[in-house]
PDB file of N, CA and C in Angstrom:
ATOM      1  N   MET A   1      19.130   3.949  -6.355  1.00  0.00           N
ATOM      2  CA  MET A   1      18.240   3.400  -5.084  1.00  0.00           C
ATOM      3  C   MET A   1      17.053   2.755  -4.727  1.00  0.00           C
ATOM      4  N   LYS A   2      16.252   2.183  -4.073  1.00  0.00           N
ATOM      5  CA  LYS A   2      15.647   1.605  -4.871  1.00  0.00           C
ATOM      6  C   LYS A   2      14.329   1.211  -3.481  1.00  0.00           C
ATOM      7  N   ALA A   3      13.089   1.648  -4.030  1.00  0.00           N
ATOM      8  CA  ALA A   3      12.004   2.471  -3.049  1.00  0.00           C
ATOM      9  C   ALA A   3      10.925   0.864  -3.160  1.00  0.00           C
ATOM     10  N   THR A   4      10.764   0.410  -1.938  1.00  0.00           N
ATOM     11  CA  THR A   4       9.761   0.176  -1.527  1.00  0.00           C
ATOM     12  C   THR A   4       8.461   0.482  -1.197  1.00  0.00           C
ATOM     13  N   VAL A   5       7.514   0.550  -1.791  1.00  0.00           N
ATOM     14  CA  VAL A   5       6.237   1.787  -1.493  1.00  0.00           C
ATOM     15  C   VAL A   5       4.961   0.728  -0.582  1.00  0.00           C
ATOM     16  N   TYR A   6       4.350   1.280   0.241  1.00  0.00           N
ATOM     17  CA  TYR A   6       3.201   0.530   0.458  1.00  0.00           C
ATOM     18  C   TYR A   6       1.931   0.983   0.612  1.00  0.00           C
ATOM     19  N   VAL A   7       0.444   0.477   0.040  1.00  0.00           N
ATOM     20  CA  VAL A   7      -0.516   1.335   0.633  1.00  0.00           C
ATOM     21  C   VAL A   7      -1.640   1.060   0.896  1.00  0.00           C
ATOM     22  N   THR A   8      -2.357   1.288   1.422  1.00  0.00           N
ATOM     23  CA  THR A   8      -3.164   0.790   1.972  1.00  0.00           C
ATOM     24  C   THR A   8      -4.225   1.603   2.302  1.00  0.00           C
ATOM     25  N   ILE A   9      -5.634   1.034   2.285  1.00  0.00           N
ATOM     26  CA  ILE A   9      -6.683   1.961   2.488  1.00  0.00           C
ATOM     27  C   ILE A   9      -6.873   2.212   4.201  1.00  0.00           C
ATOM     28  N   LYS A  10      -7.197   3.076   4.728  1.00  0.00           N
ATOM     29  CA  LYS A  10      -7.118   3.875   5.662  1.00  0.00           C
ATOM     30  C   LYS A  10      -7.679   2.856   7.263  1.00  0.00           C
ATOM     31  N   GLN A  11      -7.908   2.454   8.144  1.00  0.00           N
ATOM     32  CA  GLN A  11      -8.524   1.852   8.946  1.00  0.00           C
ATOM     33  C   GLN A  11      -9.600   1.788   9.309  1.00  0.00           C
ATOM     34  N   ASN A  12     -10.514   3.363   9.217  1.00  0.00           N
ATOM     35  CA  ASN A  12     -11.751   3.903   9.108  1.00  0.00           C
ATOM     36  C   ASN A  12     -12.181   3.841   7.370  1.00  0.00           C
ATOM     37  N   VAL A  13     -11.867   3.410   6.593  1.00  0.00           N
ATOM     38  CA  VAL A  13     -12.409   3.639   5.742  1.00  0.00           C
ATOM     39  C   VAL A  13     -12.744   2.332   4.723  1.00  0.00           C
ATOM     40  N   LEU A  14     -13.799   1.455   4.929  1.00  0.00           N
ATOM     41  CA  LEU A  14     -14.356  -0.015   4.501  1.00  0.00           C
ATOM     42  C   LEU A  14     -13.458  -0.020   3.429  1.00  0.00           C
ATOM     43  N   ASP A  15     -12.806  -1.058   3.646  1.00  0.00           N
ATOM     44  CA  ASP A  15     -12.235  -2.067   2.653  1.00  0.00           C
ATOM     45  C   ASP A  15     -13.111  -3.481   2.092  1.00  0.00           C
ATOM     46  N   VAL A  16     -14.011  -2.388   0.196  1.00  0.00           N
ATOM     47  CA  VAL A  16     -15.040  -3.839  -0.454  1.00  0.00           C
ATOM     48  C   VAL A  16     -13.841  -5.023  -0.515  1.00  0.00           C
ATOM     49  N   GLN A  17     -13.433  -5.270  -1.505  1.00  0.00           N
ATOM     50  CA  GLN A  17     -12.532  -5.284  -1.601  1.00  0.00           C
ATOM     51  C   GLN A  17     -12.121  -6.216  -1.129  1.00  0.00           C
ATOM     52  N   GLY A  18     -11.217  -6.163   0.278  1.00  0.00           N
ATOM     53  CA  GLY A  18     -11.241  -7.122   0.901  1.00  0.00           C
ATOM     54  C   GLY A  18     -12.087  -7.380   1.849  1.00  0.00           C
ATOM     55  N   THR A  19     -13.283  -7.290   2.222  1.00  0.00           N
ATOM     56  CA  THR A  19     -14.382  -7.987   2.233  1.00  0.00           C
ATOM     57  C   THR A  19     -15.049  -9.014   1.456  1.00  0.00           C
ATOM     58  N   ALA A  20     -15.131  -8.445   0.097  1.00  0.00           N
ATOM     59  CA  ALA A  20     -15.506  -9.302  -1.079  1.00  0.00           C
ATOM     60  C   ALA A  20     -14.080 -11.129  -0.502  1.00  0.00           C
ATOM     61  N   VAL A  21     -13.198 -10.644  -0.476  1.00  0.00           N
ATOM     62  CA  VAL A  21     -11.928 -11.618  -0.819  1.00  0.00           C
ATOM     63  C   VAL A  21     -11.898 -12.709   0.672  1.00  0.00           C
ATOM     64  N   GLN A  22     -12.771 -12.039   2.085  1.00  0.00           N
ATOM     65  CA  GLN A  22     -12.143 -12.467   2.505  1.00  0.00           C
ATOM     66  C   GLN A  22     -13.836 -13.529   2.870  1.00  0.00           C
ATOM     67  N   GLY A  23     -15.258 -12.889   1.726  1.00  0.00           N
ATOM     68  CA  GLY A  23     -16.154 -14.365   2.355  1.00  0.00           C
ATOM     69  C   GLY A  23     -15.671 -15.146   1.235  1.00  0.00           C
ATOM     70  N   ALA A  24     -15.611 -14.822  -0.587  1.00  0.00           N
ATOM     71  CA  ALA A  24     -14.538 -16.044  -1.536  1.00  0.00           C
ATOM     72  C   ALA A  24     -14.051 -17.221  -0.673  1.00  0.00           C
ATOM     73  N   LEU A  25     -12.689 -16.493   0.870  1.00  0.00           N
ATOM     74  CA  LEU A  25     -12.100 -17.443   1.665  1.00  0.00           C
ATOM     75  C   LEU A  25     -12.690 -18.500   2.462  1.00  0.00           C
ATOM     76  N   HIS A  26     -14.046 -17.826   2.586  1.00  0.00           N
ATOM     77  CA  HIS A  26     -14.762 -18.520   3.766  1.00  0.00           C
ATOM     78  C   HIS A  26     -15.789 -19.266   3.355  1.00  0.00           C
ATOM     79  N   SER A  27     -16.484 -19.196   1.654  1.00  0.00           N
ATOM     80  CA  SER A  27     -16.529 -20.750   1.237  1.00  0.00           C
ATOM     81  C   SER A  27     -15.457 -21.051   0.200  1.00  0.00           C
ATOM     82  N   MET A  28     -14.606 -20.914   0.504  1.00  0.00           N
ATOM     83  CA  MET A  28     -13.745 -22.078   0.376  1.00  0.00           C
ATOM     84  C   MET A  28     -13.439 -23.068   0.980  1.00  0.00           C
ATOM     85  N   GLY A  29     -13.687 -22.684   2.844  1.00  0.00           N
ATOM     86  CA  GLY A  29     -13.322 -23.579   3.641  1.00  0.00           C
ATOM     87  C   GLY A  29     -13.279 -22.816   4.919  1.00  0.00           C
ATOM     88  N   PHE A  30     -12.029 -21.890   3.987  1.00  0.00           N
ATOM     89  CA  PHE A  30     -10.675 -21.371   4.902  1.00  0.00           C
ATOM     90  C   PHE A  30     -11.942 -20.395   6.145  1.00  0.00           C
ATOM     91  N   ASP A  31     -12.136 -21.088   6.736  1.00  0.00           N
ATOM     92  CA  ASP A  31     -12.896 -20.144   8.075  1.00  0.00           C
ATOM     93  C   ASP A  31     -12.662 -19.033   8.561  1.00  0.00           C
ATOM     94  N   GLU A  32     -10.660 -19.748   9.196  1.00  0.00           N
ATOM     95  CA  GLU A  32     -10.448 -19.374  10.579  1.00  0.00           C
ATOM     96  C   GLU A  32      -9.542 -17.712   9.890  1.00  0.00           C
ATOM     97  N   VAL A  33      -9.886 -17.302   8.529  1.00  0.00           N
ATOM     98  CA  VAL A  33      -9.433 -16.512   7.839  1.00  0.00           C
ATOM     99  C   VAL A  33     -10.546 -14.955   9.240  1.00  0.00           C
ATOM    100  N   GLY A  34      -9.851 -14.293   9.210  1.00  0.00           N
ATOM    101  CA  GLY A  34     -10.586 -12.890   9.504  1.00  0.00           C
ATOM    102  C   GLY A  34     -10.897 -11.865   9.109  1.00  0.00           C
ATOM    103  N   LYS A  35     -10.464 -10.494   9.598  1.00  0.00           N
ATOM    104  CA  LYS A  35     -10.707  -9.577   8.695  1.00  0.00           C
ATOM    105  C   LYS A  35      -9.668  -8.937   7.259  1.00  0.00           C
ATOM    106  N   VAL A  36     -10.297  -8.820   6.331  1.00  0.00           N
ATOM    107  CA  VAL A  36      -8.809  -9.000   5.109  1.00  0.00           C
ATOM    108  C   VAL A  36      -8.853  -7.408   4.463  1.00  0.00           C
ATOM    109  N   ARG A  37      -7.772  -7.365   4.646  1.00  0.00           N
ATOM    110  CA  ARG A  37      -6.995  -5.927   4.207  1.00  0.00           C
ATOM    111  C   ARG A  37      -6.393  -5.590   2.544  1.00  0.00           C
ATOM    112  N   ILE A  38      -6.553  -5.011   1.710  1.00  0.00           N
ATOM    113  CA  ILE A  38      -5.870  -4.611   0.390  1.00  0.00           C
ATOM    114  C   ILE A  38      -5.097  -3.685   0.237  1.00  0.00           C
ATOM    115  N   GLY A  39      -4.149  -4.194  -0.746  1.00  0.00           N
ATOM    116  CA  GLY A  39      -3.249  -2.793  -0.843  1.00  0.00           C
ATOM    117  C   GLY A  39      -2.387  -3.234  -1.612  1.00  0.00           C
ATOM    118  N   LYS A  40      -1.690  -2.180  -2.070  1.00  0.00           N
ATOM    119  CA  LYS A  40      -0.712  -1.738  -2.965  1.00  0.00           C
ATOM    120  C   LYS A  40       0.713  -1.883  -2.591  1.00  0.00           C
ATOM    121  N   TYR A  41       1.593  -3.057  -3.038  1.00  0.00           N
ATOM    122  CA  TYR A  41       3.073  -3.467  -2.954  1.00  0.00           C
ATOM    123  C   TYR A  41       3.724  -2.348  -4.788  1.00  0.00           C
ATOM    124  N   LEU A  42       4.364  -1.305  -4.612  1.00  0.00           N
ATOM    125  CA  LEU A  42       5.191  -1.107  -5.762  1.00  0.00           C
ATOM    126  C   LEU A  42       6.868  -1.064  -5.044  1.00  0.00           C
ATOM    127  N   GLU A  43       7.513  -1.024  -6.505  1.00  0.00           N
ATOM    128  CA  GLU A  43       9.257  -1.012  -6.245  1.00  0.00           C
ATOM    129  C   GLU A  43       9.361   0.118  -6.907  1.00  0.00           C
ATOM    130  N   LEU A  44      10.271   0.847  -6.986  1.00  0.00           N
ATOM    131  CA  LEU A  44      10.816   1.677  -7.495  1.00  0.00           C
ATOM    132  C   LEU A  44      12.221   1.534  -7.944  1.00  0.00           C
ATOM    133  N   GLU A  45      12.851   2.061  -9.026  1.00  0.00           N
ATOM    134  CA  GLU A  45      14.231   2.161  -9.002  1.00  0.00           C
ATOM    135  C   GLU A  45      14.386   3.556  -9.210  1.00  0.00           C
ATOM    136  N   LEU A  46      15.689   4.250  -8.303  1.00  0.00           N
ATOM    137  CA  LEU A  46      15.101   6.064  -8.158  1.00  0.00           C
ATOM    138  C   LEU A  46      16.957   5.841  -8.863  1.00  0.00           C
ATOM    139  N   GLY A  47      17.777   7.334  -9.767  1.00  0.00           N
ATOM    140  CA  GLY A  47      18.172   7.669 -10.429  1.00  0.00           C
ATOM    141  C   GLY A  47      19.348   8.381  -9.310  1.00  0.00           C
ATOM    142  N   THR A  48      18.841   7.865  -8.027  1.00  0.00           N
ATOM    143  CA  THR A  48      19.604   8.613  -7.634  1.00  0.00           C
ATOM    144  C   THR A  48      20.712   7.925  -5.985  1.00  0.00           C
ATOM    145  N   THR A  49      21.568   8.515  -5.493  1.00  0.00           N
ATOM    146  CA  THR A  49      22.214   7.600  -4.507  1.00  0.00           C
ATOM    147  C   THR A  49      22.075   8.802  -2.654  1.00  0.00           C
ATOM    148  N   ASP A  50      21.446  10.339  -3.350  1.00  0.00           N
ATOM    149  CA  ASP A  50      21.216  10.912  -2.169  1.00  0.00           C
ATOM    150  C   ASP A  50      19.674  10.389  -1.467  1.00  0.00           C
ATOM    151  N   LYS A  51      20.074  10.204  -0.579  1.00  0.00           N
ATOM    152  CA  LYS A  51      18.728   9.931   0.210  1.00  0.00           C
ATOM    153  C   LYS A  51      17.810  10.526   0.563  1.00  0.00           C
ATOM    154  N   ALA A  52      17.824  11.869   1.560  1.00  0.00           N
ATOM    155  CA  ALA A  52      17.300  13.437   1.303  1.00  0.00           C
ATOM    156  C   ALA A  52      16.549  13.095   0.008  1.00  0.00           C
ATOM    157  N   GLU A  53      17.133  13.306  -0.984  1.00  0.00           N
ATOM    158  CA  GLU A  53      16.686  13.372  -2.474  1.00  0.00           C
ATOM    159  C   GLU A  53      15.290  13.066  -2.860  1.00  0.00           C
ATOM    160  N   ALA A  54      15.773  11.212  -2.852  1.00  0.00           N
ATOM    161  CA  ALA A  54      15.101   9.646  -2.490  1.00  0.00           C
ATOM    162  C   ALA A  54      13.997  10.427  -2.165  1.00  0.00           C
ATOM    163  N   GLU A  55      14.028  10.326  -0.235  1.00  0.00           N
ATOM    164  CA  GLU A  55      13.160  10.422   0.044  1.00  0.00           C
ATOM    165  C   GLU A  55      11.974  11.647   0.259  1.00  0.00           C
ATOM    166  N   ALA A  56      11.972  12.461  -0.450  1.00  0.00           N
ATOM    167  CA  ALA A  56      11.481  13.809  -0.745  1.00  0.00           C
ATOM    168  C   ALA A  56      11.127  13.337  -2.427  1.00  0.00           C
ATOM    169  N   ARG A  57      11.867  13.017  -3.041  1.00  0.00           N
ATOM    170  CA  ARG A  57      11.078  12.849  -4.448  1.00  0.00           C
ATOM    171  C   ARG A  57       9.533  11.619  -4.203  1.00  0.00           C
ATOM    172  N   VAL A  58      10.421  10.774  -3.575  1.00  0.00           N
ATOM    173  CA  VAL A  58       8.782   9.156  -3.333  1.00  0.00           C
ATOM    174  C   VAL A  58       7.876   9.931  -2.425  1.00  0.00           C
ATOM    175  N   LYS A  59       7.815  11.099  -2.229  1.00  0.00           N
ATOM    176  CA  LYS A  59       6.717  11.394  -0.906  1.00  0.00           C
ATOM    177  C   LYS A  59       5.992  12.328  -1.393  1.00  0.00           C
ATOM    178  N   ALA A  60       6.684  12.464  -2.712  1.00  0.00           N
ATOM    179  CA  ALA A  60       5.950  13.141  -3.790  1.00  0.00           C
ATOM    180  C   ALA A  60       5.540  12.735  -4.493  1.00  0.00           C
ATOM    181  N   MET A  61       6.207  11.305  -4.806  1.00  0.00           N
ATOM    182  CA  MET A  61       5.194  10.526  -5.646  1.00  0.00           C
ATOM    183  C   MET A  61       3.669  10.044  -5.067  1.00  0.00           C
ATOM    184  N   CYS A  62       4.347   9.833  -3.414  1.00  0.00           N
ATOM    185  CA  CYS A  62       2.740   8.934  -2.897  1.00  0.00           C
ATOM    186  C   CYS A  62       1.857  10.157  -3.007  1.00  0.00           C
ATOM    187  N   GLU A  63       2.188  11.097  -2.441  1.00  0.00           N
ATOM    188  CA  GLU A  63       1.160  12.016  -2.488  1.00  0.00           C
ATOM    189  C   GLU A  63       0.004  12.875  -4.165  1.00  0.00           C
ATOM    190  N   LYS A  64       1.368  12.166  -5.885  1.00  0.00           N
ATOM    191  CA  LYS A  64       0.418  13.005  -6.157  1.00  0.00           C
ATOM    192  C   LYS A  64      -0.266  11.925  -7.059  1.00  0.00           C
ATOM    193  N   LEU A  65       0.685  10.818  -7.484  1.00  0.00           N
ATOM    194  CA  LEU A  65      -0.559  10.092  -7.650  1.00  0.00           C
ATOM    195  C   LEU A  65      -0.492   8.264  -6.663  1.00  0.00           C
ATOM    196  N   LEU A  66       0.899   7.562  -6.392  1.00  0.00           N
ATOM    197  CA  LEU A  66       0.359   6.322  -5.754  1.00  0.00           C
ATOM    198  C   LEU A  66      -0.085   6.049  -5.000  1.00  0.00           C
ATOM    199  N   ALA A  67      -0.609   6.915  -4.285  1.00  0.00           N
ATOM    200  CA  ALA A  67      -1.793   6.723  -3.019  1.00  0.00           C
ATOM    201  C   ALA A  67      -3.258   8.195  -3.105  1.00  0.00           C
ATOM    202  N   ASN A  68      -3.989   7.786  -3.025  1.00  0.00           N
ATOM    203  CA  ASN A  68      -5.594   8.732  -2.429  1.00  0.00           C
ATOM    204  C   ASN A  68      -5.468   8.939  -1.220  1.00  0.00           C
ATOM    205  N   THR A  69      -3.759   9.720  -0.449  1.00  0.00           N
ATOM    206  CA  THR A  69      -4.251  10.481   0.866  1.00  0.00           C
ATOM    207  C   THR A  69      -5.767  10.223   1.544  1.00  0.00           C
ATOM    208  N   VAL A  70      -6.911  10.705   0.547  1.00  0.00           N
ATOM    209  CA  VAL A  70      -8.177  10.867   1.638  1.00  0.00           C
ATOM    210  C   VAL A  70      -8.475   9.550   2.049  1.00  0.00           C
ATOM    211  N   ILE A  71      -7.942   8.186   1.697  1.00  0.00           N
ATOM    212  CA  ILE A  71      -8.153   7.258   1.928  1.00  0.00           C
ATOM    213  C   ILE A  71      -7.110   6.496   1.586  1.00  0.00           C
ATOM    214  N   GLU A  72      -6.092   6.423   1.157  1.00  0.00           N
ATOM    215  CA  GLU A  72      -5.169   5.150   1.585  1.00  0.00           C
ATOM    216  C   GLU A  72      -4.036   6.235   2.935  1.00  0.00           C
ATOM    217  N   ASP A  73      -3.105   5.093   3.293  1.00  0.00           N
ATOM    218  CA  ASP A  73      -2.349   5.302   3.966  1.00  0.00           C
ATOM    219  C   ASP A  73      -0.698   5.077   2.765  1.00  0.00           C
ATOM    220  N   TYR A  74      -0.263   5.787   3.201  1.00  0.00           N
ATOM    221  CA  TYR A  74       0.973   4.957   2.137  1.00  0.00           C
ATOM    222  C   TYR A  74       2.478   5.124   3.360  1.00  0.00           C
ATOM    223  N   ARG A  75       3.705   3.838   3.385  1.00  0.00           N
ATOM    224  CA  ARG A  75       4.935   4.213   4.431  1.00  0.00           C
ATOM    225  C   ARG A  75       5.570   3.696   3.134  1.00  0.00           C
ATOM    226  N   TYR A  76       6.637   3.980   2.742  1.00  0.00           N
ATOM    227  CA  TYR A  76       8.116   3.567   2.221  1.00  0.00           C
ATOM    228  C   TYR A  76       9.374   2.772   2.858  1.00  0.00           C
ATOM    229  N   GLU A  77      10.291   2.295   1.693  1.00  0.00           N
ATOM    230  CA  GLU A  77      11.373   1.799   2.429  1.00  0.00           C
ATOM    231  C   GLU A  77      12.402   2.106   1.498  1.00  0.00           C
ATOM    232  N   LEU A  78      13.617   2.616   2.117  1.00  0.00           N
ATOM    233  CA  LEU A  78      14.806   2.766   0.802  1.00  0.00           C
ATOM    234  C   LEU A  78      15.810   2.211   0.799  1.00  0.00           C
ATOM    235  N   ALA A  79      16.027   1.298  -0.338  1.00  0.00           N
ATOM    236  CA  ALA A  79      18.077   0.118   0.198  1.00  0.00           C
ATOM    237  C   ALA A  79      18.309   0.827  -0.650  1.00  0.00           C
TER     238      ALA A  79
END
């Protein structure tokens, strides 16, 4: 089973990296770009076919390592 995990900075947390990218895009002439938010995209290949087990394991991975839940949100999809 494959898990796709998306980790993003929470909306109420300043995204310094996103602000830097926005400024760089503006300096390159891409003035139409508004707010930029940076995140992480991860693909995990899981050695199980049990959806409930996979969800529990991916959630535990996110909570313990993949996302800093103080400042980041995460979501995942299983396929």
